[in-house]
PDB file of N, CA and C in Angstrom:
ATOM      1  N   MET A   1     -38.781  32.581 -71.156  1.00  0.00           N
ATOM      2  CA  MET A   1     -37.180  31.913 -70.709  1.00  0.00           C
ATOM      3  C   MET A   1     -37.111  30.619 -71.022  1.00  0.00           C
ATOM      4  N   LEU A   2     -36.293  30.470 -71.404  1.00  0.00           N
ATOM      5  CA  LEU A   2     -35.295  28.774 -70.750  1.00  0.00           C
ATOM      6  C   LEU A   2     -35.357  28.859 -70.035  1.00  0.00           C
ATOM      7  N   ARG A   3     -35.391  27.444 -69.424  1.00  0.00           N
ATOM      8  CA  ARG A   3     -35.381  27.364 -68.507  1.00  0.00           C
ATOM      9  C   ARG A   3     -34.418  26.169 -68.273  1.00  0.00           C
ATOM     10  N   ARG A   4     -33.334  25.887 -68.174  1.00  0.00           N
ATOM     11  CA  ARG A   4     -33.041  24.887 -68.368  1.00  0.00           C
ATOM     12  C   ARG A   4     -32.427  23.552 -66.826  1.00  0.00           C
ATOM     13  N   SER A   5     -32.725  22.482 -66.968  1.00  0.00           N
ATOM     14  CA  SER A   5     -32.765  21.323 -66.301  1.00  0.00           C
ATOM     15  C   SER A   5     -31.237  21.378 -65.242  1.00  0.00           C
ATOM     16  N   THR A   6     -31.763  20.547 -64.511  1.00  0.00           N
ATOM     17  CA  THR A   6     -30.720  20.070 -63.896  1.00  0.00           C
ATOM     18  C   THR A   6     -30.141  18.862 -64.288  1.00  0.00           C
ATOM     19  N   ALA A   7     -31.361  17.782 -65.033  1.00  0.00           N
ATOM     20  CA  ALA A   7     -30.767  16.270 -65.287  1.00  0.00           C
ATOM     21  C   ALA A   7     -30.392  17.418 -66.843  1.00  0.00           C
ATOM     22  N   GLU A   8     -30.610  17.853 -68.035  1.00  0.00           N
ATOM     23  CA  GLU A   8     -29.210  18.467 -68.728  1.00  0.00           C
ATOM     24  C   GLU A   8     -27.666  18.488 -68.156  1.00  0.00           C
ATOM     25  N   ARG A   9     -27.510  19.056 -67.011  1.00  0.00           N
ATOM     26  CA  ARG A   9     -25.983  18.997 -66.621  1.00  0.00           C
ATOM     27  C   ARG A   9     -25.365  17.990 -66.392  1.00  0.00           C
ATOM     28  N   HIS A  10     -26.453  16.644 -66.215  1.00  0.00           N
ATOM     29  CA  HIS A  10     -25.829  15.076 -65.875  1.00  0.00           C
ATOM     30  C   HIS A  10     -25.792  14.754 -67.234  1.00  0.00           C
ATOM     31  N   LEU A  11     -27.107  15.160 -68.311  1.00  0.00           N
ATOM     32  CA  LEU A  11     -26.764  14.231 -69.046  1.00  0.00           C
ATOM     33  C   LEU A  11     -25.300  14.706 -70.007  1.00  0.00           C
ATOM     34  N   TYR A  12     -24.885  16.212 -69.763  1.00  0.00           N
ATOM     35  CA  TYR A  12     -24.077  16.705 -70.551  1.00  0.00           C
ATOM     36  C   TYR A  12     -22.697  16.310 -69.661  1.00  0.00           C
ATOM     37  N   ALA A  13     -22.716  15.973 -68.541  1.00  0.00           N
ATOM     38  CA  ALA A  13     -21.563  15.525 -68.064  1.00  0.00           C
ATOM     39  C   ALA A  13     -21.166  13.913 -68.359  1.00  0.00           C
ATOM     40  N   ALA A  14     -22.169  12.988 -68.512  1.00  0.00           N
ATOM     41  CA  ALA A  14     -22.493  11.521 -68.596  1.00  0.00           C
ATOM     42  C   ALA A  14     -21.622  11.160 -69.745  1.00  0.00           C
ATOM     43  N   THR A  15     -22.170  12.429 -71.346  1.00  0.00           N
ATOM     44  CA  THR A  15     -22.193  12.098 -72.593  1.00  0.00           C
ATOM     45  C   THR A  15     -21.496  12.590 -73.394  1.00  0.00           C
ATOM     46  N   SER A  16     -21.382  13.628 -72.754  1.00  0.00           N
ATOM     47  CA  SER A  16     -20.542  15.390 -74.136  1.00  0.00           C
ATOM     48  C   SER A  16     -18.965  14.227 -74.052  1.00  0.00           C
ATOM     49  N   PRO A  17     -18.727  14.735 -75.399  1.00  0.00           N
ATOM     50  CA  PRO A  17     -17.031  13.968 -75.435  1.00  0.00           C
ATOM     51  C   PRO A  17     -15.874  14.919 -75.295  1.00  0.00           C
ATOM     52  N   VAL A  18     -16.397  16.243 -75.138  1.00  0.00           N
ATOM     53  CA  VAL A  18     -15.879  17.413 -74.712  1.00  0.00           C
ATOM     54  C   VAL A  18     -15.556  17.362 -72.529  1.00  0.00           C
ATOM     55  N   ALA A  19     -16.631  16.661 -72.601  1.00  0.00           N
ATOM     56  CA  ALA A  19     -16.685  16.793 -70.908  1.00  0.00           C
ATOM     57  C   ALA A  19     -15.401  15.417 -70.239  1.00  0.00           C
ATOM     58  N   LYS A  20     -14.437  16.096 -69.222  1.00  0.00           N
ATOM     59  CA  LYS A  20     -13.826  15.326 -68.723  1.00  0.00           C
ATOM     60  C   LYS A  20     -14.367  14.461 -67.595  1.00  0.00           C
ATOM     61  N   SER A  21     -13.459  13.249 -67.246  1.00  0.00           N
ATOM     62  CA  SER A  21     -13.885  12.739 -66.184  1.00  0.00           C
ATOM     63  C   SER A  21     -13.201  13.230 -64.842  1.00  0.00           C
ATOM     64  N   GLY A  22     -13.827  13.195 -63.681  1.00  0.00           N
ATOM     65  CA  GLY A  22     -13.194  13.344 -62.922  1.00  0.00           C
ATOM     66  C   GLY A  22     -13.902  15.175 -62.034  1.00  0.00           C
ATOM     67  N   ARG A  23     -14.484  15.339 -63.561  1.00  0.00           N
ATOM     68  CA  ARG A  23     -14.835  16.704 -63.229  1.00  0.00           C
ATOM     69  C   ARG A  23     -15.617  17.434 -63.121  1.00  0.00           C
ATOM     70  N   LEU A  24     -16.471  18.486 -62.477  1.00  0.00           N
ATOM     71  CA  LEU A  24     -18.024  19.223 -62.222  1.00  0.00           C
ATOM     72  C   LEU A  24     -17.969  19.947 -62.668  1.00  0.00           C
ATOM     73  N   TYR A  25     -19.482  19.855 -63.434  1.00  0.00           N
ATOM     74  CA  TYR A  25     -19.672  20.171 -64.487  1.00  0.00           C
ATOM     75  C   TYR A  25     -21.732  21.058 -63.362  1.00  0.00           C
ATOM     76  N   GLY A  26     -21.984  22.077 -63.924  1.00  0.00           N
ATOM     77  CA  GLY A  26     -22.907  22.456 -63.297  1.00  0.00           C
ATOM     78  C   GLY A  26     -23.365  23.073 -63.812  1.00  0.00           C
ATOM     79  N   PRO A  27     -24.615  24.706 -63.527  1.00  0.00           N
ATOM     80  CA  PRO A  27     -24.826  25.674 -64.715  1.00  0.00           C
ATOM     81  C   PRO A  27     -23.799  26.823 -63.977  1.00  0.00           C
ATOM     82  N   GLY A  28     -23.684  27.262 -65.464  1.00  0.00           N
ATOM     83  CA  GLY A  28     -22.482  28.479 -65.800  1.00  0.00           C
ATOM     84  C   GLY A  28     -23.179  30.061 -65.554  1.00  0.00           C
ATOM     85  N   GLY A  29     -24.309  29.879 -65.082  1.00  0.00           N
ATOM     86  CA  GLY A  29     -25.156  31.668 -65.223  1.00  0.00           C
ATOM     87  C   GLY A  29     -24.550  31.656 -63.988  1.00  0.00           C
ATOM     88  N   LEU A  30     -25.105  33.065 -63.288  1.00  0.00           N
ATOM     89  CA  LEU A  30     -24.785  34.111 -62.567  1.00  0.00           C
ATOM     90  C   LEU A  30     -25.146  33.126 -60.960  1.00  0.00           C
ATOM     91  N   GLY A  31     -24.167  33.488 -59.975  1.00  0.00           N
ATOM     92  CA  GLY A  31     -23.825  32.464 -58.843  1.00  0.00           C
ATOM     93  C   GLY A  31     -23.966  31.380 -59.196  1.00  0.00           C
ATOM     94  N   GLN A  32     -23.748  30.939 -60.554  1.00  0.00           N
ATOM     95  CA  GLN A  32     -24.241  29.243 -60.746  1.00  0.00           C
ATOM     96  C   GLN A  32     -25.145  28.078 -60.038  1.00  0.00           C
ATOM     97  N   LEU A  33     -26.247  29.584 -60.686  1.00  0.00           N
ATOM     98  CA  LEU A  33     -27.886  28.908 -60.262  1.00  0.00           C
ATOM     99  C   LEU A  33     -28.457  28.447 -61.104  1.00  0.00           C
ATOM    100  N   SER A  34     -27.782  29.086 -62.151  1.00  0.00           N
ATOM    101  CA  SER A  34     -29.050  29.312 -63.663  1.00  0.00           C
ATOM    102  C   SER A  34     -28.289  28.575 -65.223  1.00  0.00           C
ATOM    103  N   GLY A  35     -27.992  28.112 -66.235  1.00  0.00           N
ATOM    104  CA  GLY A  35     -27.350  28.835 -67.408  1.00  0.00           C
ATOM    105  C   GLY A  35     -27.810  27.244 -67.304  1.00  0.00           C
ATOM    106  N   GLY A  36     -26.640  27.117 -69.201  1.00  0.00           N
ATOM    107  CA  GLY A  36     -26.239  25.833 -69.313  1.00  0.00           C
ATOM    108  C   GLY A  36     -24.870  24.973 -68.590  1.00  0.00           C
ATOM    109  N   PRO A  37     -24.041  23.578 -69.151  1.00  0.00           N
ATOM    110  CA  PRO A  37     -24.269  23.557 -68.542  1.00  0.00           C
ATOM    111  C   PRO A  37     -22.236  24.018 -68.615  1.00  0.00           C
ATOM    112  N   GLU A  38     -21.017  24.393 -67.693  1.00  0.00           N
ATOM    113  CA  GLU A  38     -19.841  24.438 -68.058  1.00  0.00           C
ATOM    114  C   GLU A  38     -19.297  23.586 -66.637  1.00  0.00           C
ATOM    115  N   GLU A  39     -17.914  23.705 -66.931  1.00  0.00           N
ATOM    116  CA  GLU A  39     -16.801  22.589 -66.108  1.00  0.00           C
ATOM    117  C   GLU A  39     -16.503  23.832 -65.479  1.00  0.00           C
ATOM    118  N   LEU A  40     -17.147  23.599 -63.547  1.00  0.00           N
ATOM    119  CA  LEU A  40     -16.977  24.316 -62.788  1.00  0.00           C
ATOM    120  C   LEU A  40     -15.561  24.226 -61.787  1.00  0.00           C
ATOM    121  N   THR A  41     -14.921  24.985 -60.983  1.00  0.00           N
ATOM    122  CA  THR A  41     -14.060  24.981 -60.538  1.00  0.00           C
ATOM    123  C   THR A  41     -14.821  24.242 -58.460  1.00  0.00           C
ATOM    124  N   VAL A  42     -14.392  23.335 -58.137  1.00  0.00           N
ATOM    125  CA  VAL A  42     -14.484  21.777 -56.929  1.00  0.00           C
ATOM    126  C   VAL A  42     -13.718  23.141 -55.669  1.00  0.00           C
ATOM    127  N   TYR A  43     -14.886  23.771 -55.637  1.00  0.00           N
ATOM    128  CA  TYR A  43     -14.207  23.998 -53.967  1.00  0.00           C
ATOM    129  C   TYR A  43     -13.038  23.493 -53.444  1.00  0.00           C
ATOM    130  N   ARG A  44     -12.653  24.045 -52.235  1.00  0.00           N
ATOM    131  CA  ARG A  44     -11.135  23.796 -51.529  1.00  0.00           C
ATOM    132  C   ARG A  44     -11.511  23.086 -50.481  1.00  0.00           C
ATOM    133  N   SER A  45     -12.635  22.759 -49.794  1.00  0.00           N
ATOM    134  CA  SER A  45     -12.949  22.088 -49.106  1.00  0.00           C
ATOM    135  C   SER A  45     -13.812  21.076 -49.320  1.00  0.00           C
ATOM    136  N   ALA A  46     -13.749  20.807 -50.234  1.00  0.00           N
ATOM    137  CA  ALA A  46     -14.586  19.693 -51.024  1.00  0.00           C
ATOM    138  C   ALA A  46     -13.363  18.432 -51.757  1.00  0.00           C
ATOM    139  N   ARG A  47     -12.179  19.243 -51.569  1.00  0.00           N
ATOM    140  CA  ARG A  47     -11.481  18.426 -52.530  1.00  0.00           C
ATOM    141  C   ARG A  47     -10.223  17.834 -50.601  1.00  0.00           C
ATOM    142  N   ASP A  48     -11.064  17.743 -49.862  1.00  0.00           N
ATOM    143  CA  ASP A  48     -10.566  17.286 -48.558  1.00  0.00           C
ATOM    144  C   ASP A  48      -9.816  16.372 -48.204  1.00  0.00           C
ATOM    145  N   ASP A  49      -8.816  15.523 -48.163  1.00  0.00           N
ATOM    146  CA  ASP A  49      -8.741  13.835 -47.799  1.00  0.00           C
ATOM    147  C   ASP A  49      -9.200  13.583 -46.397  1.00  0.00           C
ATOM    148  N   ALA A  50      -8.731  14.832 -45.711  1.00  0.00           N
ATOM    149  CA  ALA A  50      -9.425  13.744 -44.588  1.00  0.00           C
ATOM    150  C   ALA A  50     -11.551  14.207 -43.948  1.00  0.00           C
ATOM    151  N   ASP A  51     -11.301  15.166 -44.109  1.00  0.00           N
ATOM    152  CA  ASP A  51     -13.349  15.397 -44.727  1.00  0.00           C
ATOM    153  C   ASP A  51     -13.854  14.250 -45.290  1.00  0.00           C
ATOM    154  N   ALA A  52     -13.015  13.677 -46.342  1.00  0.00           N
ATOM    155  CA  ALA A  52     -13.866  12.869 -47.448  1.00  0.00           C
ATOM    156  C   ALA A  52     -14.304  11.434 -46.273  1.00  0.00           C
ATOM    157  N   ALA A  53     -12.369  11.110 -45.722  1.00  0.00           N
ATOM    158  CA  ALA A  53     -12.396  10.357 -45.422  1.00  0.00           C
ATOM    159  C   ALA A  53     -13.531  10.405 -43.929  1.00  0.00           C
ATOM    160  N   ARG A  54     -13.723  10.814 -43.693  1.00  0.00           N
ATOM    161  CA  ARG A  54     -14.376  10.865 -41.877  1.00  0.00           C
ATOM    162  C   ARG A  54     -15.972  11.220 -43.044  1.00  0.00           C
ATOM    163  N   LEU A  55     -16.241  11.899 -43.804  1.00  0.00           N
ATOM    164  CA  LEU A  55     -17.946  11.414 -44.135  1.00  0.00           C
ATOM    165  C   LEU A  55     -17.716  10.027 -44.445  1.00  0.00           C
ATOM    166  N   TRP A  56     -17.133   8.976 -45.295  1.00  0.00           N
ATOM    167  CA  TRP A  56     -16.574   8.204 -45.829  1.00  0.00           C
ATOM    168  C   TRP A  56     -17.647   6.843 -44.723  1.00  0.00           C
ATOM    169  N   GLU A  57     -16.441   7.255 -43.330  1.00  0.00           N
ATOM    170  CA  GLU A  57     -16.775   6.320 -42.265  1.00  0.00           C
ATOM    171  C   GLU A  57     -18.196   6.716 -41.532  1.00  0.00           C
ATOM    172  N   ILE A  58     -19.075   7.923 -41.707  1.00  0.00           N
ATOM    173  CA  ILE A  58     -20.675   8.480 -40.982  1.00  0.00           C
ATOM    174  C   ILE A  58     -21.037   7.982 -41.933  1.00  0.00           C
ATOM    175  N   SER A  59     -20.772   7.590 -43.742  1.00  0.00           N
ATOM    176  CA  SER A  59     -21.870   7.095 -44.009  1.00  0.00           C
ATOM    177  C   SER A  59     -21.981   5.697 -43.756  1.00  0.00           C
ATOM    178  N   GLU A  60     -21.048   5.229 -44.204  1.00  0.00           N
ATOM    179  CA  GLU A  60     -20.712   3.721 -43.238  1.00  0.00           C
ATOM    180  C   GLU A  60     -21.800   3.600 -42.256  1.00  0.00           C
ATOM    181  N   THR A  61     -21.249   3.949 -41.134  1.00  0.00           N
ATOM    182  CA  THR A  61     -21.998   4.110 -39.523  1.00  0.00           C
ATOM    183  C   THR A  61     -23.659   3.674 -40.200  1.00  0.00           C
ATOM    184  N   LEU A  62     -24.135   4.988 -40.118  1.00  0.00           N
ATOM    185  CA  LEU A  62     -25.412   5.086 -40.724  1.00  0.00           C
ATOM    186  C   LEU A  62     -26.153   4.167 -41.524  1.00  0.00           C
ATOM    187  N   THR A  63     -25.418   4.268 -42.700  1.00  0.00           N
ATOM    188  CA  THR A  63     -26.132   2.824 -43.474  1.00  0.00           C
ATOM    189  C   THR A  63     -26.185   1.326 -42.994  1.00  0.00           C
ATOM    190  N   GLY A  64     -24.606   1.048 -42.347  1.00  0.00           N
ATOM    191  CA  GLY A  64     -24.465  -0.101 -42.205  1.00  0.00           C
ATOM    192  C   GLY A  64     -24.083  -0.996 -43.214  1.00  0.00           C
ATOM    193  N   VAL A  65     -23.390  -0.282 -44.455  1.00  0.00           N
ATOM    194  CA  VAL A  65     -22.881  -0.779 -45.474  1.00  0.00           C
ATOM    195  C   VAL A  65     -21.483  -0.267 -46.010  1.00  0.00           C
ATOM    196  N   THR A  66     -20.380  -1.343 -45.531  1.00  0.00           N
ATOM    197  CA  THR A  66     -19.447  -1.109 -46.086  1.00  0.00           C
ATOM    198  C   THR A  66     -19.500  -1.373 -47.871  1.00  0.00           C
ATOM    199  N   TYR A  67     -17.922  -0.443 -48.194  1.00  0.00           N
ATOM    200  CA  TYR A  67     -17.076  -1.131 -48.945  1.00  0.00           C
ATOM    201  C   TYR A  67     -15.935  -1.691 -48.801  1.00  0.00           C
ATOM    202  N   GLY A  68     -15.876  -2.877 -49.985  1.00  0.00           N
ATOM    203  CA  GLY A  68     -14.706  -3.779 -49.329  1.00  0.00           C
ATOM    204  C   GLY A  68     -13.140  -3.413 -50.847  1.00  0.00           C
ATOM    205  N   GLY A  69     -13.382  -2.000 -51.279  1.00  0.00           N
ATOM    206  CA  GLY A  69     -12.694  -1.929 -52.033  1.00  0.00           C
ATOM    207  C   GLY A  69     -11.057  -1.668 -51.533  1.00  0.00           C
ATOM    208  N   ALA A  70     -10.739  -1.199 -52.304  1.00  0.00           N
ATOM    209  CA  ALA A  70      -8.889  -0.763 -51.618  1.00  0.00           C
ATOM    210  C   ALA A  70      -8.863   0.279 -51.436  1.00  0.00           C
TER     211      ALA A  70
END
């Protein structure tokens, strides 16, 4: 049985000419736990702007690092 690595999916997303910016790539097999790289649907909860802002604030507080971007 050929086992695909996590690195393979990262490399696919970073280097494949068909991979699109801003998309999620991961294992396309059963339960998205195994298999070759495929474009996946991002869960709705992962696209929530309020949750993202709160996570960013918590990360800055815990690390002591702030991002001065726009």
